[in-house]
Protein backbone atom coordinates (compact mmCIF):
# COMPACT_ATOMS: atom_id res chain seq x y z
CA UNK A 1 -10.82 2.62 -19.75
CA UNK A 2 -8.74 0.90 -17.09
CA UNK A 3 -5.53 1.63 -19.04
CA UNK A 4 -6.38 5.31 -19.16
CA UNK A 5 -7.12 5.45 -15.47
CA UNK A 6 -3.78 3.67 -14.86
CA UNK A 7 -1.99 6.23 -16.81
CA UNK A 8 -3.78 9.09 -15.25
CA UNK A 9 -3.13 7.66 -11.82
CA UNK A 10 0.52 7.32 -12.66
CA UNK A 11 0.83 10.84 -14.13
CA UNK A 12 -1.09 12.43 -10.99
CA UNK A 13 1.03 10.48 -8.72
CA UNK A 14 4.15 11.75 -10.56
CA UNK A 15 2.84 15.25 -10.51
CA UNK A 16 2.12 15.10 -6.73
CA UNK A 17 5.43 13.78 -5.94
CA UNK A 18 7.04 16.55 -7.96
CA UNK A 19 5.17 19.13 -6.07
CA UNK A 20 6.03 17.42 -2.75
CA UNK A 21 9.65 17.62 -3.58
CA UNK A 22 9.52 21.35 -4.39
CA UNK A 23 7.86 22.05 -1.16
CA UNK A 24 10.38 20.01 0.80
CA UNK A 25 13.38 21.71 -1.18
CA UNK A 26 11.66 25.13 -0.36
CA UNK A 27 12.62 24.55 3.09
CA UNK A 28 9.65 26.51 4.68
CA UNK A 29 7.93 23.61 6.09
CA UNK A 30 8.00 22.72 9.78
CA UNK A 31 9.72 19.47 10.88
CA UNK A 32 6.42 17.76 11.31
CA UNK A 33 4.98 18.99 7.99
CA UNK A 34 8.28 17.91 6.36
CA UNK A 35 8.08 14.52 7.73
CA UNK A 36 4.31 14.05 6.69
CA UNK A 37 5.28 15.30 3.18
CA UNK A 38 8.28 12.69 3.02
CA UNK A 39 5.94 9.97 4.14
CA UNK A 40 3.62 10.96 1.34
CA UNK A 41 6.35 11.09 -1.05
CA UNK A 42 7.48 7.48 -0.10
CA UNK A 43 3.88 6.26 -0.86
CA UNK A 44 3.78 8.14 -4.18
CA UNK A 45 7.31 6.66 -5.13
CA UNK A 46 6.19 3.28 -4.27
CA UNK A 47 2.87 3.53 -6.57
CA UNK A 48 4.97 5.00 -9.34
CA UNK A 49 7.38 2.05 -8.98
CA UNK A 50 4.59 -0.56 -9.01
CA UNK A 51 2.94 1.18 -12.02
CA UNK A 52 6.32 1.07 -13.93
CA UNK A 53 7.01 -2.47 -12.95
CA UNK A 54 3.42 -3.43 -14.30
CA UNK A 55 4.11 -1.58 -17.50
CA UNK A 56 7.40 -3.39 -17.93
CA UNK A 57 5.82 -6.76 -17.51
CA UNK A 58 3.12 -5.93 -20.16
CA UNK A 59 5.83 -4.96 -22.48
CA UNK A 60 7.64 -8.35 -21.87
CA UNK A 61 4.20 -10.19 -22.54
CA UNK A 62 3.63 -8.33 -25.63
CA UNK A 63 7.32 -9.19 -26.86
CA UNK A 64 7.19 -12.78 -26.02
CA UNK A 65 6.98 -15.23 -28.95
CA UNK A 66 6.58 -18.77 -29.02
CA UNK A 67 7.13 -19.10 -25.29
CA UNK A 68 10.47 -17.31 -25.25
CA UNK A 69 11.07 -13.60 -24.64
CA UNK A 70 12.42 -11.98 -27.72
CA UNK A 71 14.20 -8.82 -26.57
CA UNK A 72 13.96 -5.80 -29.07
CA UNK A 73 16.38 -2.96 -28.71
CA UNK A 74 14.67 0.32 -27.52
CA UNK A 75 15.08 3.15 -29.91
CA UNK A 76 13.50 6.49 -28.95
CA UNK A 77 13.50 7.39 -32.65
CA UNK A 78 10.53 6.92 -34.79
CA UNK A 79 10.96 4.36 -37.49
CA UNK A 80 10.71 6.00 -40.97
């Protein structure tokens, strides 16, 4: 359940960040509202970066064998 919540938090943070960027790019916000949105965006970016760093650490732990990291090439293709 914790993994699902973390994934949902990441996905929600990313969606919120995208919405903020769209609002900022639209150019219709006042300076004060733009600064507030920018500040929120920085917080969301940090949250997303932390979630990605944690996921990377988990992957490294899963790939570790006999006390040594066994790097595996990443392939987006599904093995047949």
